[in-house]
Amino acid sequence: MNQTTFRPVSLVLLAPAAILLLSLLALPIVYAIYLGFTNLQLIGPHAVNYWFTGLENVRQLLSDDVFTSSLWQTVVFVVGSGAFGATVLGLALALLMQKASGVVGKAVSGLAILAWNLPPITIAVIWYAATTSGGTFPRILGDTNHDLLYTYPMLVVSIANVWSLAGLSMIMFSAALRSIPTEMVEAAILENASATQRLFRLTLPMLKPTILMSALLMTLLTFANFTLVYLMTGGGPDNQTNILPIYSYLQGFKFHRLGYSALLGNVIVLLSSALGLAFVLIARQYRPGQVRKNKLKAMSA
């Protein structure tokens, strides 16, 4: 078995990349963490002369009712519309495309991919116009004066987010479905397995890695989807869509508390990192080698 030999010259070759990552990634992150523990302001007496304040911002954060509400809204928005909503809709579209005719399948796929490629500002304008008074959905419901965006703000922005991300999820699942061996599907049909049985006993178990990957990607993209929510609601009404990225922005650029805003940004990084780590740990259980090990442990138990 060949063993890789470490060569000191490789450090010289890797040095430019290491310096680039250090200067563009590590140092800004460390500096942002430091700013979260200062009294830095956008304007005012602490805009230039600011200093380290220890855990003062953390104490304010723990007693901030708006932060608690914003944290919950972020979880609902990210998990509900990203990890669950966009993944389920993308999977459903991919499964339907398998059964649809060529023209219908291409048309639906094209529309889903188009929605994914639209700029966030365009998506925000479309859904804002469609859900406010006089829009498409109030007209369909028979009450043109009904402002759905004002009445159900979190639901509307979540649906808009699902609509914008489902095309990417559909592409992932379409590729995964094509990798399922046709022999297994044909064998299930010969055994008189119904479509529902084939879905839950064959298709979905083989799509578990793709489901996890889609959920992780949709989660991270939803975390970063500041523009859509901000343009549609600005965090309102009454802070009902004030997710953490918007709350951090408002604290920094509306209330001029850059130090507190940086601390909120650090919380966002910790949350996204924790979710990413959780998905990675779960995904490791579905690697081919790990699956075999788990089966052997179960058999020997």
C-alpha atoms as a PDB file:
ATOM      1  CA  MET A   1       0.000   0.000   0.000  1.00  0.00           C
ATOM      2  CA  ASN A   2       1.477   3.336  -1.049  1.00  0.00           C
ATOM      3  CA  GLN A   3       1.921   5.936   1.669  1.00  0.00           C
ATOM      4  CA  THR A   4       1.970   9.655   0.949  1.00  0.00           C
ATOM      5  CA  THR A   5       5.275  11.229   1.962  1.00  0.00           C
ATOM      6  CA  PHE A   6       5.194  14.752   3.372  1.00  0.00           C
ATOM      7  CA  ARG A   7       7.479  17.133   1.490  1.00  0.00           C
ATOM      8  CA  PRO A   8       8.475  20.463   3.082  1.00  0.00           C
ATOM      9  CA  VAL A   9       8.400  22.139  -0.333  1.00  0.00           C
ATOM     10  CA  SER A  10       4.609  21.702  -0.328  1.00  0.00           C
ATOM     11  CA  LEU A  11       4.395  24.320   2.434  1.00  0.00           C
ATOM     12  CA  VAL A  12       5.951  26.859   0.089  1.00  0.00           C
ATOM     13  CA  LEU A  13       3.484  25.993  -2.642  1.00  0.00           C
ATOM     14  CA  LEU A  14       0.514  26.208  -0.280  1.00  0.00           C
ATOM     15  CA  ALA A  15       1.645  29.447   1.369  1.00  0.00           C
ATOM     16  CA  PRO A  16      -0.048  31.853  -1.127  1.00  0.00           C
ATOM     17  CA  ALA A  17      -3.405  30.117  -0.714  1.00  0.00           C
ATOM     18  CA  ALA A  18      -3.007  30.053   3.077  1.00  0.00           C
ATOM     19  CA  ILE A  19      -2.182  33.771   3.164  1.00  0.00           C
ATOM     20  CA  LEU A  20      -5.172  34.549   0.957  1.00  0.00           C
ATOM     21  CA  LEU A  21      -7.565  32.558   3.153  1.00  0.00           C
ATOM     22  CA  LEU A  22      -6.103  34.132   6.295  1.00  0.00           C
ATOM     23  CA  SER A  23      -6.422  37.688   5.020  1.00  0.00           C
ATOM     24  CA  LEU A  24      -9.845  37.370   3.347  1.00  0.00           C
ATOM     25  CA  LEU A  25     -11.588  34.909   5.673  1.00  0.00           C
ATOM     26  CA  ALA A  26     -10.007  34.325   9.066  1.00  0.00           C
ATOM     27  CA  LEU A  27      -9.004  37.895   9.935  1.00  0.00           C
ATOM     28  CA  PRO A  28     -12.384  39.467   9.019  1.00  0.00           C
ATOM     29  CA  ILE A  29     -14.190  36.830  11.087  1.00  0.00           C
ATOM     30  CA  VAL A  30     -11.955  37.453  14.103  1.00  0.00           C
ATOM     31  CA  TYR A  31     -12.401  41.218  13.699  1.00  0.00           C
ATOM     32  CA  ALA A  32     -16.197  40.851  13.465  1.00  0.00           C
ATOM     33  CA  ILE A  33     -16.201  38.770  16.661  1.00  0.00           C
ATOM     34  CA  TYR A  34     -14.164  41.477  18.380  1.00  0.00           C
ATOM     35  CA  LEU A  35     -16.549  44.230  17.229  1.00  0.00           C
ATOM     36  CA  GLY A  36     -19.422  42.323  18.827  1.00  0.00           C
ATOM     37  CA  PHE A  37     -17.870  43.078  22.216  1.00  0.00           C
ATOM     38  CA  THR A  38     -17.369  46.816  21.648  1.00  0.00           C
ATOM     39  CA  ASN A  39     -19.575  49.924  21.795  1.00  0.00           C
ATOM     40  CA  LEU A  40     -18.881  50.878  18.164  1.00  0.00           C
ATOM     41  CA  GLN A  41     -21.511  53.160  16.590  1.00  0.00           C
ATOM     42  CA  LEU A  42     -22.214  54.152  12.999  1.00  0.00           C
ATOM     43  CA  ILE A  43     -22.535  57.817  13.995  1.00  0.00           C
ATOM     44  CA  GLY A  44     -22.120  59.475  17.366  1.00  0.00           C
ATOM     45  CA  PRO A  45     -19.414  59.744  20.023  1.00  0.00           C
ATOM     46  CA  HIS A  46     -18.352  56.080  19.650  1.00  0.00           C
ATOM     47  CA  ALA A  47     -18.082  56.089  15.861  1.00  0.00           C
ATOM     48  CA  VAL A  48     -14.317  56.689  16.073  1.00  0.00           C
ATOM     49  CA  ASN A  49     -13.451  56.380  19.742  1.00  0.00           C
ATOM     50  CA  TYR A  50     -14.866  53.002  20.681  1.00  0.00           C
ATOM     51  CA  TRP A  51     -13.539  50.368  23.055  1.00  0.00           C
ATOM     52  CA  PHE A  52     -13.956  46.840  24.313  1.00  0.00           C
ATOM     53  CA  THR A  53     -16.955  46.568  26.679  1.00  0.00           C
ATOM     54  CA  GLY A  54     -16.709  42.920  27.683  1.00  0.00           C
ATOM     55  CA  LEU A  55     -20.036  41.134  28.020  1.00  0.00           C
ATOM     56  CA  GLU A  56     -22.198  44.256  28.015  1.00  0.00           C
ATOM     57  CA  ASN A  57     -23.647  43.524  24.571  1.00  0.00           C
ATOM     58  CA  VAL A  58     -24.229  39.896  25.561  1.00  0.00           C
ATOM     59  CA  ARG A  59     -26.201  40.988  28.642  1.00  0.00           C
ATOM     60  CA  GLN A  60     -28.324  43.269  26.465  1.00  0.00           C
ATOM     61  CA  LEU A  61     -28.852  40.423  24.008  1.00  0.00           C
ATOM     62  CA  LEU A  62     -30.087  38.033  26.688  1.00  0.00           C
ATOM     63  CA  SER A  63     -32.607  40.599  27.955  1.00  0.00           C
ATOM     64  CA  ASP A  64     -33.726  41.689  24.482  1.00  0.00           C
ATOM     65  CA  ASP A  65     -37.295  40.492  23.846  1.00  0.00           C
ATOM     66  CA  VAL A  66     -37.083  41.510  20.197  1.00  0.00           C
ATOM     67  CA  PHE A  67     -34.025  39.267  19.770  1.00  0.00           C
ATOM     68  CA  THR A  68     -35.885  36.306  21.289  1.00  0.00           C
ATOM     69  CA  SER A  69     -38.793  36.870  18.912  1.00  0.00           C
ATOM     70  CA  SER A  70     -36.400  37.365  15.985  1.00  0.00           C
ATOM     71  CA  LEU A  71     -34.584  34.127  16.813  1.00  0.00           C
ATOM     72  CA  TRP A  72     -37.836  32.158  16.764  1.00  0.00           C
ATOM     73  CA  GLN A  73     -38.947  33.790  13.502  1.00  0.00           C
ATOM     74  CA  THR A  74     -35.595  32.927  11.959  1.00  0.00           C
ATOM     75  CA  VAL A  75     -35.970  29.259  12.905  1.00  0.00           C
ATOM     76  CA  VAL A  76     -39.510  29.164  11.485  1.00  0.00           C
ATOM     77  CA  PHE A  77     -38.463  30.870   8.261  1.00  0.00           C
ATOM     78  CA  VAL A  78     -35.257  28.903   7.700  1.00  0.00           C
ATOM     79  CA  VAL A  79     -36.496  25.451   8.689  1.00  0.00           C
ATOM     80  CA  GLY A  80     -40.066  25.834   7.456  1.00  0.00           C
ATOM     81  CA  SER A  81     -39.473  27.418   4.061  1.00  0.00           C
ATOM     82  CA  GLY A  82     -35.889  26.350   3.417  1.00  0.00           C
ATOM     83  CA  ALA A  83     -35.023  22.952   4.867  1.00  0.00           C
ATOM     84  CA  PHE A  84     -38.582  21.602   4.616  1.00  0.00           C
ATOM     85  CA  GLY A  85     -40.638  23.633   2.138  1.00  0.00           C
ATOM     86  CA  ALA A  86     -38.178  24.055  -0.734  1.00  0.00           C
ATOM     87  CA  THR A  87     -36.878  20.490  -0.364  1.00  0.00           C
ATOM     88  CA  VAL A  88     -40.348  18.912  -0.377  1.00  0.00           C
ATOM     89  CA  LEU A  89     -41.543  21.014  -3.322  1.00  0.00           C
ATOM     90  CA  GLY A  90     -38.354  20.311  -5.283  1.00  0.00           C
ATOM     91  CA  LEU A  91     -38.741  16.563  -4.651  1.00  0.00           C
ATOM     92  CA  ALA A  92     -42.408  16.670  -5.640  1.00  0.00           C
ATOM     93  CA  LEU A  93     -41.631  18.515  -8.870  1.00  0.00           C
ATOM     94  CA  ALA A  94     -38.838  16.069  -9.736  1.00  0.00           C
ATOM     95  CA  LEU A  95     -41.138  13.091  -9.168  1.00  0.00           C
ATOM     96  CA  LEU A  96     -43.911  14.674 -11.225  1.00  0.00           C
ATOM     97  CA  MET A  97     -41.493  15.437 -14.060  1.00  0.00           C
ATOM     98  CA  GLN A  98     -40.788  11.712 -14.327  1.00  0.00           C
ATOM     99  CA  LYS A  99     -44.447  11.034 -15.131  1.00  0.00           C
ATOM    100  CA  ALA A 100     -45.246  14.161 -17.134  1.00  0.00           C
ATOM    101  CA  SER A 101     -45.165  14.340 -20.905  1.00  0.00           C
ATOM    102  CA  GLY A 102     -42.160  15.870 -22.606  1.00  0.00           C
ATOM    103  CA  VAL A 103     -43.730  19.267 -23.323  1.00  0.00           C
ATOM    104  CA  VAL A 104     -45.366  19.645 -19.900  1.00  0.00           C
ATOM    105  CA  GLY A 105     -42.264  18.446 -18.076  1.00  0.00           C
ATOM    106  CA  LYS A 106     -39.990  20.853 -19.912  1.00  0.00           C
ATOM    107  CA  ALA A 107     -42.391  23.751 -19.388  1.00  0.00           C
ATOM    108  CA  VAL A 108     -42.716  23.189 -15.633  1.00  0.00           C
ATOM    109  CA  SER A 109     -38.976  22.591 -15.258  1.00  0.00           C
ATOM    110  CA  GLY A 110     -38.234  25.748 -17.200  1.00  0.00           C
ATOM    111  CA  LEU A 111     -40.566  27.835 -15.029  1.00  0.00           C
ATOM    112  CA  ALA A 112     -39.058  26.433 -11.819  1.00  0.00           C
ATOM    113  CA  ILE A 113     -35.516  27.108 -13.001  1.00  0.00           C
ATOM    114  CA  LEU A 114     -36.544  30.597 -14.153  1.00  0.00           C
ATOM    115  CA  ALA A 115     -37.946  31.365 -10.692  1.00  0.00           C
ATOM    116  CA  TRP A 116     -34.670  30.227  -9.135  1.00  0.00           C
ATOM    117  CA  ASN A 117     -32.618  32.437 -11.482  1.00  0.00           C
ATOM    118  CA  LEU A 118     -34.657  35.597 -10.928  1.00  0.00           C
ATOM    119  CA  PRO A 119     -32.961  38.312  -8.811  1.00  0.00           C
ATOM    120  CA  PRO A 120     -34.312  38.593  -5.241  1.00  0.00           C
ATOM    121  CA  ILE A 121     -35.598  42.109  -5.929  1.00  0.00           C
ATOM    122  CA  THR A 122     -37.695  40.804  -8.838  1.00  0.00           C
ATOM    123  CA  ILE A 123     -39.110  37.986  -6.718  1.00  0.00           C
ATOM    124  CA  ALA A 124     -39.931  40.457  -3.948  1.00  0.00           C
ATOM    125  CA  VAL A 125     -41.747  42.794  -6.343  1.00  0.00           C
ATOM    126  CA  ILE A 126     -43.718  39.922  -7.915  1.00  0.00           C
ATOM    127  CA  TRP A 127     -44.936  38.525  -4.598  1.00  0.00           C
ATOM    128  CA  TYR A 128     -45.519  41.945  -3.072  1.00  0.00           C
ATOM    129  CA  ALA A 129     -47.719  42.949  -6.005  1.00  0.00           C
ATOM    130  CA  ALA A 130     -49.527  39.592  -6.011  1.00  0.00           C
ATOM    131  CA  THR A 131     -50.411  39.525  -2.300  1.00  0.00           C
ATOM    132  CA  THR A 132     -51.207  43.135  -1.364  1.00  0.00           C
ATOM    133  CA  SER A 133     -54.571  44.857  -1.861  1.00  0.00           C
ATOM    134  CA  GLY A 134     -55.723  44.595  -5.469  1.00  0.00           C
ATOM    135  CA  GLY A 135     -53.190  41.875  -6.238  1.00  0.00           C
ATOM    136  CA  THR A 136     -53.671  38.528  -7.925  1.00  0.00           C
ATOM    137  CA  PHE A 137     -54.324  36.397  -4.851  1.00  0.00           C
ATOM    138  CA  PRO A 138     -56.849  38.766  -3.200  1.00  0.00           C
ATOM    139  CA  ARG A 139     -58.739  38.827  -6.510  1.00  0.00           C
ATOM    140  CA  ILE A 140     -58.731  35.013  -6.674  1.00  0.00           C
ATOM    141  CA  LEU A 141     -60.069  34.880  -3.111  1.00  0.00           C
ATOM    142  CA  GLY A 142     -62.818  37.340  -4.036  1.00  0.00           C
ATOM    143  CA  ASP A 143     -61.727  40.228  -1.794  1.00  0.00           C
ATOM    144  CA  THR A 144     -59.572  42.750  -3.634  1.00  0.00           C
ATOM    145  CA  ASN A 145     -59.120  44.888  -0.506  1.00  0.00           C
ATOM    146  CA  HIS A 146     -57.654  42.023   1.515  1.00  0.00           C
ATOM    147  CA  ASP A 147     -53.908  42.567   2.107  1.00  0.00           C
ATOM    148  CA  LEU A 148     -52.541  39.046   2.515  1.00  0.00           C
ATOM    149  CA  LEU A 149     -49.002  40.269   3.044  1.00  0.00           C
ATOM    150  CA  TYR A 150     -50.108  42.395   5.998  1.00  0.00           C
ATOM    151  CA  THR A 151     -52.380  39.719   7.458  1.00  0.00           C
ATOM    152  CA  TYR A 152     -50.041  36.707   7.028  1.00  0.00           C
ATOM    153  CA  PRO A 153     -46.576  38.237   6.552  1.00  0.00           C
ATOM    154  CA  MET A 154     -44.452  35.254   7.596  1.00  0.00           C
ATOM    155  CA  LEU A 155     -46.534  32.821   5.563  1.00  0.00           C
ATOM    156  CA  VAL A 156     -46.305  34.974   2.429  1.00  0.00           C
ATOM    157  CA  VAL A 157     -42.529  35.561   2.616  1.00  0.00           C
ATOM    158  CA  SER A 158     -42.018  31.855   3.347  1.00  0.00           C
ATOM    159  CA  ILE A 159     -44.033  30.861   0.263  1.00  0.00           C
ATOM    160  CA  ALA A 160     -42.067  33.358  -1.823  1.00  0.00           C
ATOM    161  CA  ASN A 161     -38.813  31.844  -0.557  1.00  0.00           C
ATOM    162  CA  VAL A 162     -39.998  28.299  -1.340  1.00  0.00           C
ATOM    163  CA  TRP A 163     -41.063  29.423  -4.823  1.00  0.00           C
ATOM    164  CA  SER A 164     -37.630  30.939  -5.478  1.00  0.00           C
ATOM    165  CA  LEU A 165     -35.567  27.938  -4.288  1.00  0.00           C
ATOM    166  CA  ALA A 166     -37.633  24.971  -5.458  1.00  0.00           C
ATOM    167  CA  GLY A 167     -36.039  25.018  -8.931  1.00  0.00           C
ATOM    168  CA  LEU A 168     -32.571  24.334  -7.542  1.00  0.00           C
ATOM    169  CA  SER A 169     -33.875  21.551  -5.318  1.00  0.00           C
ATOM    170  CA  MET A 170     -35.741  20.053  -8.287  1.00  0.00           C
ATOM    171  CA  ILE A 171     -32.518  19.921 -10.348  1.00  0.00           C
ATOM    172  CA  MET A 172     -30.740  18.050  -7.544  1.00  0.00           C
ATOM    173  CA  PHE A 173     -33.526  15.492  -7.162  1.00  0.00           C
ATOM    174  CA  SER A 174     -33.948  15.035 -10.921  1.00  0.00           C
ATOM    175  CA  ALA A 175     -30.277  14.069 -11.193  1.00  0.00           C
ATOM    176  CA  ALA A 176     -30.562  11.740  -8.184  1.00  0.00           C
ATOM    177  CA  LEU A 177     -33.671  10.022  -9.584  1.00  0.00           C
ATOM    178  CA  ARG A 178     -31.857   9.258 -12.831  1.00  0.00           C
ATOM    179  CA  SER A 179     -29.155   7.474 -10.847  1.00  0.00           C
ATOM    180  CA  ILE A 180     -31.592   4.932  -9.366  1.00  0.00           C
ATOM    181  CA  PRO A 181     -31.033   1.627 -11.221  1.00  0.00           C
ATOM    182  CA  THR A 182     -33.941   0.790 -13.492  1.00  0.00           C
ATOM    183  CA  GLU A 183     -33.482  -2.889 -12.643  1.00  0.00           C
ATOM    184  CA  MET A 184     -34.558  -2.232  -9.059  1.00  0.00           C
ATOM    185  CA  VAL A 185     -37.663  -0.344 -10.193  1.00  0.00           C
ATOM    186  CA  GLU A 186     -38.570  -3.081 -12.669  1.00  0.00           C
ATOM    187  CA  ALA A 187     -38.076  -5.755 -10.020  1.00  0.00           C
ATOM    188  CA  ALA A 188     -40.412  -3.868  -7.667  1.00  0.00           C
ATOM    189  CA  ILE A 189     -43.033  -3.650 -10.425  1.00  0.00           C
ATOM    190  CA  LEU A 190     -42.752  -7.394 -11.121  1.00  0.00           C
ATOM    191  CA  GLU A 191     -43.395  -8.009  -7.430  1.00  0.00           C
ATOM    192  CA  ASN A 192     -46.633  -6.034  -7.773  1.00  0.00           C
ATOM    193  CA  ALA A 193     -45.441  -3.184  -5.581  1.00  0.00           C
ATOM    194  CA  SER A 194     -47.761  -0.193  -5.855  1.00  0.00           C
ATOM    195  CA  ALA A 195     -46.537   3.290  -6.745  1.00  0.00           C
ATOM    196  CA  THR A 196     -46.820   4.325  -3.089  1.00  0.00           C
ATOM    197  CA  GLN A 197     -44.838   1.303  -1.941  1.00  0.00           C
ATOM    198  CA  ARG A 198     -42.130   1.967  -4.540  1.00  0.00           C
ATOM    199  CA  LEU A 199     -41.924   5.588  -3.398  1.00  0.00           C
ATOM    200  CA  PHE A 200     -41.554   4.911   0.330  1.00  0.00           C
ATOM    201  CA  ARG A 201     -39.615   1.631   0.193  1.00  0.00           C
ATOM    202  CA  LEU A 202     -37.324   2.228  -2.778  1.00  0.00           C
ATOM    203  CA  THR A 203     -37.148   5.785  -4.048  1.00  0.00           C
ATOM    204  CA  LEU A 204     -37.043   7.792  -0.817  1.00  0.00           C
ATOM    205  CA  PRO A 205     -34.524   5.511   0.979  1.00  0.00           C
ATOM    206  CA  MET A 206     -32.150   5.834  -1.991  1.00  0.00           C
ATOM    207  CA  LEU A 207     -32.639   9.606  -2.042  1.00  0.00           C
ATOM    208  CA  LYS A 208     -31.758  10.119   1.625  1.00  0.00           C
ATOM    209  CA  PRO A 209     -28.278  11.625   0.907  1.00  0.00           C
ATOM    210  CA  THR A 210     -29.778  13.995  -1.666  1.00  0.00           C
ATOM    211  CA  ILE A 211     -32.595  14.953   0.703  1.00  0.00           C
ATOM    212  CA  LEU A 212     -30.072  15.848   3.387  1.00  0.00           C
ATOM    213  CA  MET A 213     -27.877  17.752   0.937  1.00  0.00           C
ATOM    214  CA  SER A 214     -30.864  19.679  -0.403  1.00  0.00           C
ATOM    215  CA  ALA A 215     -32.083  20.502   3.100  1.00  0.00           C
ATOM    216  CA  LEU A 216     -28.625  21.795   4.065  1.00  0.00           C
ATOM    217  CA  LEU A 217     -28.240  23.888   0.920  1.00  0.00           C
ATOM    218  CA  MET A 218     -31.767  25.321   1.163  1.00  0.00           C
ATOM    219  CA  THR A 219     -31.131  26.155   4.825  1.00  0.00           C
ATOM    220  CA  LEU A 220     -27.946  28.084   4.084  1.00  0.00           C
ATOM    221  CA  LEU A 221     -29.509  29.905   1.124  1.00  0.00           C
ATOM    222  CA  THR A 222     -32.542  30.860   3.224  1.00  0.00           C
ATOM    223  CA  PHE A 223     -30.303  32.152   6.004  1.00  0.00           C
ATOM    224  CA  ALA A 224     -28.721  34.474   3.448  1.00  0.00           C
ATOM    225  CA  ASN A 225     -32.036  35.542   1.872  1.00  0.00           C
ATOM    226  CA  PHE A 226     -32.053  38.980   3.501  1.00  0.00           C
ATOM    227  CA  THR A 227     -33.088  40.882   0.377  1.00  0.00           C
ATOM    228  CA  LEU A 228     -36.392  39.071  -0.223  1.00  0.00           C
ATOM    229  CA  VAL A 229     -37.785  39.584   3.274  1.00  0.00           C
ATOM    230  CA  TYR A 230     -36.444  43.121   3.683  1.00  0.00           C
ATOM    231  CA  LEU A 231     -37.924  44.362   0.404  1.00  0.00           C
ATOM    232  CA  MET A 232     -41.305  42.708   1.013  1.00  0.00           C
ATOM    233  CA  THR A 233     -41.868  43.652   4.661  1.00  0.00           C
ATOM    234  CA  GLY A 234     -38.838  45.442   6.104  1.00  0.00           C
ATOM    235  CA  GLY A 235     -39.154  43.149   9.128  1.00  0.00           C
ATOM    236  CA  GLY A 236     -42.768  44.178   9.827  1.00  0.00           C
ATOM    237  CA  PRO A 237     -45.554  44.482  10.418  1.00  0.00           C
ATOM    238  CA  ASP A 238     -44.985  44.681  14.175  1.00  0.00           C
ATOM    239  CA  ASN A 239     -41.699  42.730  13.872  1.00  0.00           C
ATOM    240  CA  GLN A 240     -43.537  39.625  12.604  1.00  0.00           C
ATOM    241  CA  THR A 241     -40.891  38.984   9.905  1.00  0.00           C
ATOM    242  CA  ASN A 242     -37.945  40.530  11.743  1.00  0.00           C
ATOM    243  CA  ILE A 243     -35.550  37.623  11.166  1.00  0.00           C
ATOM    244  CA  LEU A 244     -32.007  37.879  12.526  1.00  0.00           C
ATOM    245  CA  PRO A 245     -30.302  39.223   9.352  1.00  0.00           C
ATOM    246  CA  ILE A 246     -32.857  42.051   9.181  1.00  0.00           C
ATOM    247  CA  TYR A 247     -32.655  42.740  12.918  1.00  0.00           C
ATOM    248  CA  SER A 248     -28.865  42.912  12.677  1.00  0.00           C
ATOM    249  CA  TYR A 249     -29.103  45.313   9.732  1.00  0.00           C
ATOM    250  CA  LEU A 250     -31.618  47.567  11.510  1.00  0.00           C
ATOM    251  CA  GLN A 251     -29.527  47.710  14.668  1.00  0.00           C
ATOM    252  CA  GLY A 252     -26.432  48.679  12.696  1.00  0.00           C
ATOM    253  CA  PHE A 253     -27.752  51.046  10.035  1.00  0.00           C
ATOM    254  CA  LYS A 254     -31.000  52.399  11.490  1.00  0.00           C
ATOM    255  CA  PHE A 255     -30.183  52.596  15.193  1.00  0.00           C
ATOM    256  CA  HIS A 256     -26.414  53.015  14.525  1.00  0.00           C
ATOM    257  CA  ARG A 257     -25.365  50.310  17.035  1.00  0.00           C
ATOM    258  CA  LEU A 258     -22.660  48.604  14.991  1.00  0.00           C
ATOM    259  CA  GLY A 259     -21.197  46.725  17.956  1.00  0.00           C
ATOM    260  CA  TYR A 260     -24.537  45.169  18.859  1.00  0.00           C
ATOM    261  CA  SER A 261     -25.206  44.504  15.173  1.00  0.00           C
ATOM    262  CA  ALA A 262     -21.882  42.660  14.910  1.00  0.00           C
ATOM    263  CA  LEU A 263     -22.850  40.500  17.898  1.00  0.00           C
ATOM    264  CA  LEU A 264     -26.125  39.591  16.178  1.00  0.00           C
ATOM    265  CA  GLY A 265     -24.102  38.704  13.082  1.00  0.00           C
ATOM    266  CA  ASN A 266     -21.947  36.417  15.199  1.00  0.00           C
ATOM    267  CA  VAL A 267     -25.109  34.673  16.437  1.00  0.00           C
ATOM    268  CA  ILE A 268     -26.161  34.121  12.815  1.00  0.00           C
ATOM    269  CA  VAL A 269     -22.779  32.571  12.017  1.00  0.00           C
ATOM    270  CA  LEU A 270     -23.022  30.262  15.046  1.00  0.00           C
ATOM    271  CA  LEU A 271     -26.544  29.166  14.106  1.00  0.00           C
ATOM    272  CA  SER A 272     -25.679  28.454  10.479  1.00  0.00           C
ATOM    273  CA  SER A 273     -22.505  26.603  11.546  1.00  0.00           C
ATOM    274  CA  ALA A 274     -24.454  24.493  14.042  1.00  0.00           C
ATOM    275  CA  LEU A 275     -27.064  23.581  11.450  1.00  0.00           C
ATOM    276  CA  GLY A 276     -24.383  22.778   8.890  1.00  0.00           C
ATOM    277  CA  LEU A 277     -22.524  20.568  11.376  1.00  0.00           C
ATOM    278  CA  ALA A 278     -25.743  18.762  12.296  1.00  0.00           C
ATOM    279  CA  PHE A 279     -26.517  18.022   8.648  1.00  0.00           C
ATOM    280  CA  VAL A 280     -22.956  16.813   8.033  1.00  0.00           C
ATOM    281  CA  LEU A 281     -23.074  14.458  11.021  1.00  0.00           C
ATOM    282  CA  ILE A 282     -26.426  13.084   9.885  1.00  0.00           C
ATOM    283  CA  ALA A 283     -25.212  12.700   6.300  1.00  0.00           C
ATOM    284  CA  ARG A 284     -22.235  10.613   7.471  1.00  0.00           C
ATOM    285  CA  GLN A 285     -24.674   7.934   8.593  1.00  0.00           C
ATOM    286  CA  TYR A 286     -25.758   7.432   4.982  1.00  0.00           C
ATOM    287  CA  ARG A 287     -22.339   6.929   3.426  1.00  0.00           C
ATOM    288  CA  PRO A 288     -22.070   3.473   1.835  1.00  0.00           C
ATOM    289  CA  GLY A 289     -19.301   2.357   4.190  1.00  0.00           C
ATOM    290  CA  GLN A 290     -21.077   3.674   7.260  1.00  0.00           C
ATOM    291  CA  VAL A 291     -24.353   2.056   6.226  1.00  0.00           C
ATOM    292  CA  ARG A 292     -22.615  -1.330   5.964  1.00  0.00           C
ATOM    293  CA  LYS A 293     -21.043  -0.836   9.400  1.00  0.00           C
ATOM    294  CA  ASN A 294     -24.409   0.028  10.916  1.00  0.00           C
ATOM    295  CA  LYS A 295     -25.972  -3.082   9.382  1.00  0.00           C
ATOM    296  CA  LEU A 296     -23.163  -5.287  10.720  1.00  0.00           C
ATOM    297  CA  LYS A 297     -23.577  -3.784  14.207  1.00  0.00           C
ATOM    298  CA  ALA A 298     -27.311  -4.390  14.069  1.00  0.00           C
ATOM    299  CA  MET A 299     -26.781  -8.015  12.976  1.00  0.00           C
ATOM    300  CA  SER A 300     -24.214  -8.702  15.699  1.00  0.00           C
ATOM    301  CA  ALA A 301     -26.296  -7.090  18.457  1.00  0.00           C
END
